[in-house]
PDB file of N, CA and C in Angstrom:
ATOM      1  N   MET A   1       8.263 -15.397 -12.373  1.00  0.00           N
ATOM      2  CA  MET A   1       8.053 -13.987 -12.106  1.00  0.00           C
ATOM      3  C   MET A   1       7.840 -13.803 -10.608  1.00  0.00           C
ATOM      4  N   SER A   2       8.594 -12.945 -10.006  1.00  0.00           N
ATOM      5  CA  SER A   2       8.518 -12.709  -8.570  1.00  0.00           C
ATOM      6  C   SER A   2       7.666 -11.476  -8.301  1.00  0.00           C
ATOM      7  N   GLU A   3       6.567 -11.682  -7.558  1.00  0.00           N
ATOM      8  CA  GLU A   3       5.689 -10.578  -7.201  1.00  0.00           C
ATOM      9  C   GLU A   3       6.044 -10.065  -5.823  1.00  0.00           C
ATOM     10  N   THR A   4       6.068  -8.757  -5.681  1.00  0.00           N
ATOM     11  CA  THR A   4       6.289  -8.156  -4.375  1.00  0.00           C
ATOM     12  C   THR A   4       5.063  -7.322  -4.069  1.00  0.00           C
ATOM     13  N   ILE A   5       4.228  -7.842  -3.180  1.00  0.00           N
ATOM     14  CA  ILE A   5       3.021  -7.135  -2.803  1.00  0.00           C
ATOM     15  C   ILE A   5       3.162  -6.726  -1.347  1.00  0.00           C
ATOM     16  N   ILE A   6       2.949  -5.459  -1.119  1.00  0.00           N
ATOM     17  CA  ILE A   6       3.009  -4.952   0.248  1.00  0.00           C
ATOM     18  C   ILE A   6       1.611  -5.074   0.837  1.00  0.00           C
ATOM     19  N   GLY A   7       1.507  -5.848   1.887  1.00  0.00           N
ATOM     20  CA  GLY A   7       0.229  -6.039   2.553  1.00  0.00           C
ATOM     21  C   GLY A   7      -0.071  -4.911   3.514  1.00  0.00           C
ATOM     22  N   PRO A   8      -1.271  -4.919   4.067  1.00  0.00           N
ATOM     23  CA  PRO A   8      -1.667  -3.868   5.006  1.00  0.00           C
ATOM     24  C   PRO A   8      -0.738  -3.757   6.209  1.00  0.00           C
ATOM     25  N   SER A   9      -0.298  -4.881   6.737  1.00  0.00           N
ATOM     26  CA  SER A   9       0.578  -4.822   7.914  1.00  0.00           C
ATOM     27  C   SER A   9       1.935  -4.218   7.552  1.00  0.00           C
ATOM     28  N   GLU A  10       2.425  -4.510   6.346  1.00  0.00           N
ATOM     29  CA  GLU A  10       3.706  -3.947   5.913  1.00  0.00           C
ATOM     30  C   GLU A  10       3.593  -2.435   5.715  1.00  0.00           C
ATOM     31  N   VAL A  11       2.463  -1.977   5.158  1.00  0.00           N
ATOM     32  CA  VAL A  11       2.248  -0.530   4.972  1.00  0.00           C
ATOM     33  C   VAL A  11       2.237   0.158   6.331  1.00  0.00           C
ATOM     34  N   LEU A  12       1.504  -0.426   7.286  1.00  0.00           N
ATOM     35  CA  LEU A  12       1.457   0.168   8.621  1.00  0.00           C
ATOM     36  C   LEU A  12       2.824   0.157   9.289  1.00  0.00           C
ATOM     37  N   HIS A  13       3.568  -0.940   9.103  1.00  0.00           N
ATOM     38  CA  HIS A  13       4.906  -1.036   9.681  1.00  0.00           C
ATOM     39  C   HIS A  13       5.810   0.062   9.113  1.00  0.00           C
ATOM     40  N   ARG A  14       5.758   0.254   7.806  1.00  0.00           N
ATOM     41  CA  ARG A  14       6.596   1.281   7.177  1.00  0.00           C
ATOM     42  C   ARG A  14       6.199   2.681   7.627  1.00  0.00           C
ATOM     43  N   LEU A  15       4.883   2.915   7.748  1.00  0.00           N
ATOM     44  CA  LEU A  15       4.432   4.227   8.203  1.00  0.00           C
ATOM     45  C   LEU A  15       4.856   4.484   9.643  1.00  0.00           C
ATOM     46  N   ARG A  16       4.771   3.451  10.491  1.00  0.00           N
ATOM     47  CA  ARG A  16       5.202   3.618  11.883  1.00  0.00           C
ATOM     48  C   ARG A  16       6.704   3.872  11.966  1.00  0.00           C
ATOM     49  N   ALA A  17       7.466   3.155  11.145  1.00  0.00           N
ATOM     50  CA  ALA A  17       8.913   3.350  11.148  1.00  0.00           C
ATOM     51  C   ALA A  17       9.254   4.770  10.690  1.00  0.00           C
ATOM     52  N   LEU A  18       8.560   5.233   9.660  1.00  0.00           N
ATOM     53  CA  LEU A  18       8.793   6.589   9.169  1.00  0.00           C
ATOM     54  C   LEU A  18       8.389   7.611  10.226  1.00  0.00           C
ATOM     55  N   SER A  19       7.264   7.356  10.889  1.00  0.00           N
ATOM     56  CA  SER A  19       6.805   8.262  11.931  1.00  0.00           C
ATOM     57  C   SER A  19       7.814   8.321  13.081  1.00  0.00           C
ATOM     58  N   GLY A  20       8.349   7.159  13.463  1.00  0.00           N
ATOM     59  CA  GLY A  20       9.343   7.120  14.528  1.00  0.00           C
ATOM     60  C   GLY A  20      10.598   7.880  14.153  1.00  0.00           C
ATOM     61  N   ARG A  21      11.008   7.768  12.911  1.00  0.00           N
ATOM     62  CA  ARG A  21      12.192   8.502  12.461  1.00  0.00           C
ATOM     63  C   ARG A  21      11.929   9.994  12.471  1.00  0.00           C
ATOM     64  N   LEU A  22      10.712  10.399  12.110  1.00  0.00           N
ATOM     65  CA  LEU A  22      10.394  11.826  12.106  1.00  0.00           C
ATOM     66  C   LEU A  22      10.352  12.380  13.525  1.00  0.00           C
ATOM     67  N   GLU A  23       9.813  11.607  14.457  1.00  0.00           N
ATOM     68  CA  GLU A  23       9.754  12.068  15.839  1.00  0.00           C
ATOM     69  C   GLU A  23      11.145  12.114  16.460  1.00  0.00           C
ATOM     70  N   GLY A  24      12.008  11.164  16.097  1.00  0.00           N
ATOM     71  CA  GLY A  24      13.344  11.113  16.660  1.00  0.00           C
ATOM     72  C   GLY A  24      14.325  11.997  15.916  1.00  0.00           C
ATOM     73  N   GLY A  25      13.913  12.584  14.822  1.00  0.00           N
ATOM     74  CA  GLY A  25      14.799  13.408  14.018  1.00  0.00           C
ATOM     75  C   GLY A  25      15.438  12.583  12.917  1.00  0.00           C
ATOM     76  N   LEU A  26      15.426  13.109  11.717  1.00  0.00           N
ATOM     77  CA  LEU A  26      16.021  12.403  10.587  1.00  0.00           C
ATOM     78  C   LEU A  26      17.531  12.467  10.659  1.00  0.00           C
ATOM     79  N   GLU A  27      18.147  11.373  10.303  1.00  0.00           N
ATOM     80  CA  GLU A  27      19.599  11.363  10.251  1.00  0.00           C
ATOM     81  C   GLU A  27      20.034  11.893   8.889  1.00  0.00           C
ATOM     82  N   GLY A  28      21.106  12.597   8.878  1.00  0.00           N
ATOM     83  CA  GLY A  28      21.605  13.176   7.650  1.00  0.00           C
ATOM     84  C   GLY A  28      22.234  12.127   6.755  1.00  0.00           C
ATOM     85  N   PRO A  29      22.821  12.561   5.620  1.00  0.00           N
ATOM     86  CA  PRO A  29      23.452  11.623   4.701  1.00  0.00           C
ATOM     87  C   PRO A  29      24.572  10.815   5.339  1.00  0.00           C
ATOM     88  N   SER A  30      25.208  11.347   6.391  1.00  0.00           N
ATOM     89  CA  SER A  30      26.296  10.616   7.036  1.00  0.00           C
ATOM     90  C   SER A  30      25.782   9.609   8.053  1.00  0.00           C
ATOM     91  N   GLY A  31      24.463   9.611   8.344  1.00  0.00           N
ATOM     92  CA  GLY A  31      23.878   8.699   9.319  1.00  0.00           C
ATOM     93  C   GLY A  31      23.877   7.264   8.814  1.00  0.00           C
ATOM     94  N   ALA A  32      23.684   6.325   9.710  1.00  0.00           N
ATOM     95  CA  ALA A  32      23.728   4.913   9.353  1.00  0.00           C
ATOM     96  C   ALA A  32      22.459   4.465   8.638  1.00  0.00           C
ATOM     97  N   ALA A  33      21.312   5.049   8.981  1.00  0.00           N
ATOM     98  CA  ALA A  33      20.046   4.616   8.390  1.00  0.00           C
ATOM     99  C   ALA A  33      19.844   5.267   7.027  1.00  0.00           C
ATOM    100  N   PRO A  34      19.402   4.486   6.029  1.00  0.00           N
ATOM    101  CA  PRO A  34      19.130   5.084   4.720  1.00  0.00           C
ATOM    102  C   PRO A  34      17.874   5.949   4.797  1.00  0.00           C
ATOM    103  N   ARG A  35      17.852   6.992   4.028  1.00  0.00           N
ATOM    104  CA  ARG A  35      16.730   7.921   4.034  1.00  0.00           C
ATOM    105  C   ARG A  35      15.596   7.357   3.178  1.00  0.00           C
ATOM    106  N   ALA A  36      14.411   7.246   3.759  1.00  0.00           N
ATOM    107  CA  ALA A  36      13.241   6.746   3.046  1.00  0.00           C
ATOM    108  C   ALA A  36      12.446   7.930   2.503  1.00  0.00           C
ATOM    109  N   ASP A  37      12.111   7.874   1.245  1.00  0.00           N
ATOM    110  CA  ASP A  37      11.313   8.924   0.629  1.00  0.00           C
ATOM    111  C   ASP A  37       9.845   8.524   0.742  1.00  0.00           C
ATOM    112  N   PHE A  38       9.106   9.240   1.577  1.00  0.00           N
ATOM    113  CA  PHE A  38       7.716   8.882   1.859  1.00  0.00           C
ATOM    114  C   PHE A  38       6.881   8.870   0.590  1.00  0.00           C
ATOM    115  N   SER A  39       7.065   9.862  -0.265  1.00  0.00           N
ATOM    116  CA  SER A  39       6.253   9.930  -1.485  1.00  0.00           C
ATOM    117  C   SER A  39       6.521   8.726  -2.388  1.00  0.00           C
ATOM    118  N   GLU A  40       7.766   8.268  -2.427  1.00  0.00           N
ATOM    119  CA  GLU A  40       8.095   7.100  -3.251  1.00  0.00           C
ATOM    120  C   GLU A  40       7.484   5.827  -2.666  1.00  0.00           C
ATOM    121  N   VAL A  41       7.527   5.681  -1.346  1.00  0.00           N
ATOM    122  CA  VAL A  41       6.917   4.519  -0.692  1.00  0.00           C
ATOM    123  C   VAL A  41       5.411   4.528  -0.926  1.00  0.00           C
ATOM    124  N   LEU A  42       4.792   5.695  -0.797  1.00  0.00           N
ATOM    125  CA  LEU A  42       3.357   5.815  -1.012  1.00  0.00           C
ATOM    126  C   LEU A  42       2.991   5.496  -2.460  1.00  0.00           C
ATOM    127  N   LYS A  43       3.772   5.999  -3.398  1.00  0.00           N
ATOM    128  CA  LYS A  43       3.499   5.738  -4.810  1.00  0.00           C
ATOM    129  C   LYS A  43       3.632   4.254  -5.125  1.00  0.00           C
ATOM    130  N   ARG A  44       4.688   3.605  -4.609  1.00  0.00           N
ATOM    131  CA  ARG A  44       4.857   2.167  -4.840  1.00  0.00           C
ATOM    132  C   ARG A  44       3.697   1.381  -4.256  1.00  0.00           C
ATOM    133  N   SER A  45       3.252   1.778  -3.076  1.00  0.00           N
ATOM    134  CA  SER A  45       2.128   1.090  -2.437  1.00  0.00           C
ATOM    135  C   SER A  45       0.856   1.230  -3.269  1.00  0.00           C
ATOM    136  N   LEU A  46       0.595   2.440  -3.753  1.00  0.00           N
ATOM    137  CA  LEU A  46      -0.590   2.648  -4.580  1.00  0.00           C
ATOM    138  C   LEU A  46      -0.482   1.911  -5.913  1.00  0.00           C
ATOM    139  N   ASP A  47       0.713   1.850  -6.471  1.00  0.00           N
ATOM    140  CA  ASP A  47       0.909   1.082  -7.702  1.00  0.00           C
ATOM    141  C   ASP A  47       0.630  -0.400  -7.471  1.00  0.00           C
ATOM    142  N   GLN A  48       1.021  -0.904  -6.312  1.00  0.00           N
ATOM    143  CA  GLN A  48       0.780  -2.309  -6.002  1.00  0.00           C
ATOM    144  C   GLN A  48      -0.702  -2.585  -5.771  1.00  0.00           C
ATOM    145  N   VAL A  49      -1.412  -1.629  -5.187  1.00  0.00           N
ATOM    146  CA  VAL A  49      -2.857  -1.769  -5.030  1.00  0.00           C
ATOM    147  C   VAL A  49      -3.504  -1.817  -6.410  1.00  0.00           C
ATOM    148  N   ASN A  50      -3.086  -0.928  -7.282  1.00  0.00           N
ATOM    149  CA  ASN A  50      -3.622  -0.904  -8.641  1.00  0.00           C
ATOM    150  C   ASN A  50      -3.319  -2.206  -9.371  1.00  0.00           C
ATOM    151  N   GLU A  51      -2.107  -2.703  -9.216  1.00  0.00           N
ATOM    152  CA  GLU A  51      -1.717  -3.954  -9.859  1.00  0.00           C
ATOM    153  C   GLU A  51      -2.568  -5.120  -9.358  1.00  0.00           C
ATOM    154  N   ALA A  52      -2.837  -5.160  -8.057  1.00  0.00           N
ATOM    155  CA  ALA A  52      -3.667  -6.230  -7.495  1.00  0.00           C
ATOM    156  C   ALA A  52      -5.089  -6.153  -8.041  1.00  0.00           C
ATOM    157  N   GLN A  53      -5.605  -4.940  -8.187  1.00  0.00           N
ATOM    158  CA  GLN A  53      -6.950  -4.777  -8.728  1.00  0.00           C
ATOM    159  C   GLN A  53      -7.000  -5.168 -10.200  1.00  0.00           C
ATOM    160  N   GLN A  54      -5.961  -4.805 -10.954  1.00  0.00           N
ATOM    161  CA  GLN A  54      -5.902  -5.172 -12.367  1.00  0.00           C
ATOM    162  C   GLN A  54      -5.835  -6.688 -12.533  1.00  0.00           C
ATOM    163  N   LYS A  55      -5.024  -7.343 -11.685  1.00  0.00           N
ATOM    164  CA  LYS A  55      -4.885  -8.791 -11.755  1.00  0.00           C
ATOM    165  C   LYS A  55      -6.208  -9.477 -11.430  1.00  0.00           C
ATOM    166  N   ALA A  56      -6.896  -9.004 -10.385  1.00  0.00           N
ATOM    167  CA  ALA A  56      -8.180  -9.595 -10.010  1.00  0.00           C
ATOM    168  C   ALA A  56      -9.203  -9.418 -11.125  1.00  0.00           C
ATOM    169  N   ALA A  57      -9.226  -8.240 -11.741  1.00  0.00           N
ATOM    170  CA  ALA A  57     -10.163  -7.990 -12.837  1.00  0.00           C
ATOM    171  C   ALA A  57      -9.843  -8.882 -14.040  1.00  0.00           C
ATOM    172  N   SER A  58      -8.559  -9.029 -14.331  1.00  0.00           N
ATOM    173  CA  SER A  58      -8.142  -9.870 -15.453  1.00  0.00           C
ATOM    174  C   SER A  58      -8.501 -11.334 -15.211  1.00  0.00           C
ATOM    175  N   LEU A  59      -8.234 -11.815 -13.993  1.00  0.00           N
ATOM    176  CA  LEU A  59      -8.597 -13.198 -13.663  1.00  0.00           C
ATOM    177  C   LEU A  59     -10.108 -13.391 -13.722  1.00  0.00           C
ATOM    178  N   GLY A  60     -10.859 -12.415 -13.247  1.00  0.00           N
ATOM    179  CA  GLY A  60     -12.324 -12.493 -13.294  1.00  0.00           C
ATOM    180  C   GLY A  60     -12.835 -12.581 -14.718  1.00  0.00           C
ATOM    181  N   GLN A  61     -12.267 -11.774 -15.582  1.00  0.00           N
ATOM    182  CA  GLN A  61     -12.689 -11.790 -16.983  1.00  0.00           C
ATOM    183  C   GLN A  61     -12.315 -13.122 -17.640  1.00  0.00           C
ATOM    184  N   SER A  62     -11.115 -13.617 -17.343  1.00  0.00           N
ATOM    185  CA  SER A  62     -10.691 -14.907 -17.904  1.00  0.00           C
ATOM    186  C   SER A  62     -11.587 -16.030 -17.411  1.00  0.00           C
ATOM    187  N   PHE A  63     -11.941 -15.998 -16.135  1.00  0.00           N
ATOM    188  CA  PHE A  63     -12.813 -17.028 -15.577  1.00  0.00           C
ATOM    189  C   PHE A  63     -14.190 -16.990 -16.233  1.00  0.00           C
ATOM    190  N   GLU A  64     -14.719 -15.787 -16.429  1.00  0.00           N
ATOM    191  CA  GLU A  64     -16.028 -15.632 -17.070  1.00  0.00           C
ATOM    192  C   GLU A  64     -16.018 -16.127 -18.511  1.00  0.00           C
ATOM    193  N   MET A  65     -14.874 -15.997 -19.168  1.00  0.00           N
ATOM    194  CA  MET A  65     -14.760 -16.444 -20.565  1.00  0.00           C
ATOM    195  C   MET A  65     -14.533 -17.953 -20.658  1.00  0.00           C
ATOM    196  N   GLY A  66     -14.358 -18.612 -19.497  1.00  0.00           N
ATOM    197  CA  GLY A  66     -14.215 -20.064 -19.489  1.00  0.00           C
ATOM    198  C   GLY A  66     -12.790 -20.558 -19.636  1.00  0.00           C
ATOM    199  N   ASP A  67     -11.821 -19.724 -19.297  1.00  0.00           N
ATOM    200  CA  ASP A  67     -10.413 -20.136 -19.389  1.00  0.00           C
ATOM    201  C   ASP A  67     -10.165 -21.282 -18.404  1.00  0.00           C
ATOM    202  N   PRO A  68      -9.720 -22.446 -18.885  1.00  0.00           N
ATOM    203  CA  PRO A  68      -9.505 -23.594 -17.992  1.00  0.00           C
ATOM    204  C   PRO A  68      -8.294 -23.418 -17.065  1.00  0.00           C
ATOM    205  N   ASN A  69      -7.415 -22.462 -17.349  1.00  0.00           N
ATOM    206  CA  ASN A  69      -6.229 -22.224 -16.523  1.00  0.00           C
ATOM    207  C   ASN A  69      -6.518 -21.377 -15.290  1.00  0.00           C
ATOM    208  N   VAL A  70      -7.734 -20.823 -15.179  1.00  0.00           N
ATOM    209  CA  VAL A  70      -8.097 -19.960 -14.062  1.00  0.00           C
ATOM    210  C   VAL A  70      -9.106 -20.698 -13.186  1.00  0.00           C
ATOM    211  N   SER A  71      -8.737 -20.943 -11.947  1.00  0.00           N
ATOM    212  CA  SER A  71      -9.652 -21.630 -11.034  1.00  0.00           C
ATOM    213  C   SER A  71     -10.394 -20.619 -10.169  1.00  0.00           C
ATOM    214  N   VAL A  72     -11.474 -21.077  -9.573  1.00  0.00           N
ATOM    215  CA  VAL A  72     -12.255 -20.233  -8.678  1.00  0.00           C
ATOM    216  C   VAL A  72     -11.398 -19.820  -7.486  1.00  0.00           C
ATOM    217  N   VAL A  73     -10.552 -20.719  -7.020  1.00  0.00           N
ATOM    218  CA  VAL A  73      -9.691 -20.421  -5.872  1.00  0.00           C
ATOM    219  C   VAL A  73      -8.737 -19.271  -6.203  1.00  0.00           C
ATOM    220  N   ASP A  74      -8.097 -19.335  -7.374  1.00  0.00           N
ATOM    221  CA  ASP A  74      -7.185 -18.259  -7.785  1.00  0.00           C
ATOM    222  C   ASP A  74      -7.922 -16.929  -7.888  1.00  0.00           C
ATOM    223  N   LEU A  75      -9.116 -16.979  -8.456  1.00  0.00           N
ATOM    224  CA  LEU A  75      -9.917 -15.770  -8.606  1.00  0.00           C
ATOM    225  C   LEU A  75     -10.296 -15.187  -7.246  1.00  0.00           C
ATOM    226  N   MET A  76     -10.733 -16.028  -6.321  1.00  0.00           N
ATOM    227  CA  MET A  76     -11.140 -15.540  -5.003  1.00  0.00           C
ATOM    228  C   MET A  76      -9.956 -14.992  -4.208  1.00  0.00           C
ATOM    229  N   VAL A  77      -8.805 -15.657  -4.295  1.00  0.00           N
ATOM    230  CA  VAL A  77      -7.620 -15.166  -3.583  1.00  0.00           C
ATOM    231  C   VAL A  77      -7.195 -13.810  -4.138  1.00  0.00           C
ATOM    232  N   ALA A  78      -7.175 -13.682  -5.461  1.00  0.00           N
ATOM    233  CA  ALA A  78      -6.793 -12.405  -6.075  1.00  0.00           C
ATOM    234  C   ALA A  78      -7.783 -11.302  -5.703  1.00  0.00           C
ATOM    235  N   THR A  79      -9.071 -11.646  -5.669  1.00  0.00           N
ATOM    236  CA  THR A  79     -10.095 -10.664  -5.317  1.00  0.00           C
ATOM    237  C   THR A  79      -9.942 -10.222  -3.872  1.00  0.00           C
ATOM    238  N   GLN A  80      -9.673 -11.160  -2.965  1.00  0.00           N
ATOM    239  CA  GLN A  80      -9.507 -10.814  -1.557  1.00  0.00           C
ATOM    240  C   GLN A  80      -8.241  -9.977  -1.336  1.00  0.00           C
ATOM    241  N   LYS A  81      -7.143 -10.326  -2.028  1.00  0.00           N
ATOM    242  CA  LYS A  81      -5.916  -9.523  -1.920  1.00  0.00           C
ATOM    243  C   LYS A  81      -6.179  -8.104  -2.396  1.00  0.00           C
ATOM    244  N   SER A  82      -6.902  -7.995  -3.495  1.00  0.00           N
ATOM    245  CA  SER A  82      -7.227  -6.687  -4.039  1.00  0.00           C
ATOM    246  C   SER A  82      -8.070  -5.883  -3.057  1.00  0.00           C
ATOM    247  N   SER A  83      -9.056  -6.535  -2.482  1.00  0.00           N
ATOM    248  CA  SER A  83      -9.939  -5.864  -1.528  1.00  0.00           C
ATOM    249  C   SER A  83      -9.172  -5.405  -0.281  1.00  0.00           C
ATOM    250  N   LEU A  84      -8.350  -6.280   0.273  1.00  0.00           N
ATOM    251  CA  LEU A  84      -7.586  -5.922   1.473  1.00  0.00           C
ATOM    252  C   LEU A  84      -6.588  -4.807   1.204  1.00  0.00           C
ATOM    253  N   SER A  85      -5.923  -4.863   0.069  1.00  0.00           N
ATOM    254  CA  SER A  85      -4.946  -3.815  -0.233  1.00  0.00           C
ATOM    255  C   SER A  85      -5.644  -2.473  -0.443  1.00  0.00           C
ATOM    256  N   PHE A  86      -6.831  -2.498  -1.046  1.00  0.00           N
ATOM    257  CA  PHE A  86      -7.583  -1.260  -1.235  1.00  0.00           C
ATOM    258  C   PHE A  86      -8.056  -0.706   0.105  1.00  0.00           C
ATOM    259  N   GLN A  87      -8.525  -1.580   0.993  1.00  0.00           N
ATOM    260  CA  GLN A  87      -8.951  -1.133   2.317  1.00  0.00           C
ATOM    261  C   GLN A  87      -7.793  -0.532   3.102  1.00  0.00           C
ATOM    262  N   ALA A  88      -6.628  -1.152   3.002  1.00  0.00           N
ATOM    263  CA  ALA A  88      -5.452  -0.615   3.695  1.00  0.00           C
ATOM    264  C   ALA A  88      -5.086   0.759   3.135  1.00  0.00           C
ATOM    265  N   ALA A  89      -5.120   0.896   1.817  1.00  0.00           N
ATOM    266  CA  ALA A  89      -4.804   2.185   1.192  1.00  0.00           C
ATOM    267  C   ALA A  89      -5.814   3.250   1.622  1.00  0.00           C
ATOM    268  N   THR A  90      -7.070   2.860   1.726  1.00  0.00           N
ATOM    269  CA  THR A  90      -8.103   3.796   2.165  1.00  0.00           C
ATOM    270  C   THR A  90      -7.856   4.244   3.598  1.00  0.00           C
ATOM    271  N   GLN A  91      -7.464   3.317   4.465  1.00  0.00           N
ATOM    272  CA  GLN A  91      -7.178   3.665   5.852  1.00  0.00           C
ATOM    273  C   GLN A  91      -5.961   4.589   5.961  1.00  0.00           C
ATOM    274  N   VAL A  92      -4.946   4.317   5.154  1.00  0.00           N
ATOM    275  CA  VAL A  92      -3.771   5.195   5.143  1.00  0.00           C
ATOM    276  C   VAL A  92      -4.172   6.586   4.678  1.00  0.00           C
ATOM    277  N   ARG A  93      -4.988   6.655   3.633  1.00  0.00           N
ATOM    278  CA  ARG A  93      -5.464   7.948   3.149  1.00  0.00           C
ATOM    279  C   ARG A  93      -6.234   8.682   4.233  1.00  0.00           C
ATOM    280  N   ASN A  94      -7.116   7.966   4.938  1.00  0.00           N
ATOM    281  CA  ASN A  94      -7.893   8.595   6.012  1.00  0.00           C
ATOM    282  C   ASN A  94      -6.986   9.150   7.108  1.00  0.00           C
ATOM    283  N   LYS A  95      -5.952   8.397   7.463  1.00  0.00           N
ATOM    284  CA  LYS A  95      -5.005   8.868   8.487  1.00  0.00           C
ATOM    285  C   LYS A  95      -4.241  10.091   7.994  1.00  0.00           C
ATOM    286  N   LEU A  96      -3.845  10.096   6.728  1.00  0.00           N
ATOM    287  CA  LEU A  96      -3.131  11.245   6.173  1.00  0.00           C
ATOM    288  C   LEU A  96      -4.012  12.486   6.141  1.00  0.00           C
ATOM    289  N   VAL A  97      -5.272  12.318   5.766  1.00  0.00           N
ATOM    290  CA  VAL A  97      -6.198  13.450   5.738  1.00  0.00           C
ATOM    291  C   VAL A  97      -6.420  13.984   7.150  1.00  0.00           C
ATOM    292  N   ALA A  98      -6.581  13.076   8.116  1.00  0.00           N
ATOM    293  CA  ALA A  98      -6.775  13.506   9.506  1.00  0.00           C
ATOM    294  C   ALA A  98      -5.545  14.256  10.015  1.00  0.00           C
ATOM    295  N   ALA A  99      -4.362  13.749   9.688  1.00  0.00           N
ATOM    296  CA  ALA A  99      -3.130  14.425  10.111  1.00  0.00           C
ATOM    297  C   ALA A  99      -3.021  15.796   9.461  1.00  0.00           C
ATOM    298  N   TYR A 100      -3.358  15.892   8.176  1.00  0.00           N
ATOM    299  CA  TYR A 100      -3.311  17.169   7.466  1.00  0.00           C
ATOM    300  C   TYR A 100      -4.278  18.163   8.106  1.00  0.00           C
ATOM    301  N   GLN A 101      -5.494  17.702   8.396  1.00  0.00           N
ATOM    302  CA  GLN A 101      -6.490  18.594   9.004  1.00  0.00           C
ATOM    303  C   GLN A 101      -6.029  19.052  10.387  1.00  0.00           C
ATOM    304  N   GLU A 102      -5.395  18.158  11.129  1.00  0.00           N
ATOM    305  CA  GLU A 102      -4.893  18.535  12.456  1.00  0.00           C
ATOM    306  C   GLU A 102      -3.786  19.570  12.339  1.00  0.00           C
ATOM    307  N   ILE A 103      -2.909  19.379  11.386  1.00  0.00           N
ATOM    308  CA  ILE A 103      -1.814  20.347  11.176  1.00  0.00           C
ATOM    309  C   ILE A 103      -2.367  21.696  10.737  1.00  0.00           C
ATOM    310  N   MET A 104      -3.344  21.675   9.855  1.00  0.00           N
ATOM    311  CA  MET A 104      -3.916  22.933   9.356  1.00  0.00           C
ATOM    312  C   MET A 104      -4.694  23.670  10.441  1.00  0.00           C
ATOM    313  N   SER A 105      -5.192  22.956  11.446  1.00  0.00           N
ATOM    314  CA  SER A 105      -5.949  23.631  12.516  1.00  0.00           C
ATOM    315  C   SER A 105      -5.039  24.171  13.619  1.00  0.00           C
ATOM    316  N   MET A 106      -3.751  23.857  13.559  1.00  0.00           N
ATOM    317  CA  MET A 106      -2.825  24.360  14.568  1.00  0.00           C
ATOM    318  C   MET A 106      -2.600  25.856  14.372  1.00  0.00           C
ATOM    319  N   GLN A 107      -2.477  26.548  15.496  1.00  0.00           N
ATOM    320  CA  GLN A 107      -2.198  27.969  15.412  1.00  0.00           C
ATOM    321  C   GLN A 107      -0.696  28.168  15.422  1.00  0.00           C
ATOM    322  N   VAL A 108      -0.244  29.046  14.552  1.00  0.00           N
ATOM    323  CA  VAL A 108       1.184  29.306  14.442  1.00  0.00           C
ATOM    324  C   VAL A 108       1.558  30.544  15.206  1.00  0.00           C
TER     325      VAL A 108
END
């Protein structure tokens, strides 16, 4: 099973790339760059954060029940991945809220 987890640096990289495209102007359907749907990227990122948290909780419960297939190392790595992905999501949310508040305070 192949897991694709977007880490904090990848989320920031994607947000910066999207921001750069917005500042430079979006290319139309005939442009060379594919159009990225921000809401879809955000949803996938949040789904991956949720998945990491679910996996960490599941491993924790299995470890507590004495499952010999779950080691402390696996549990700690899953917990740290979950924590980092949640912190990254929180920071992205904070930046989005700050941007929204800045836009709403602009005079038209």
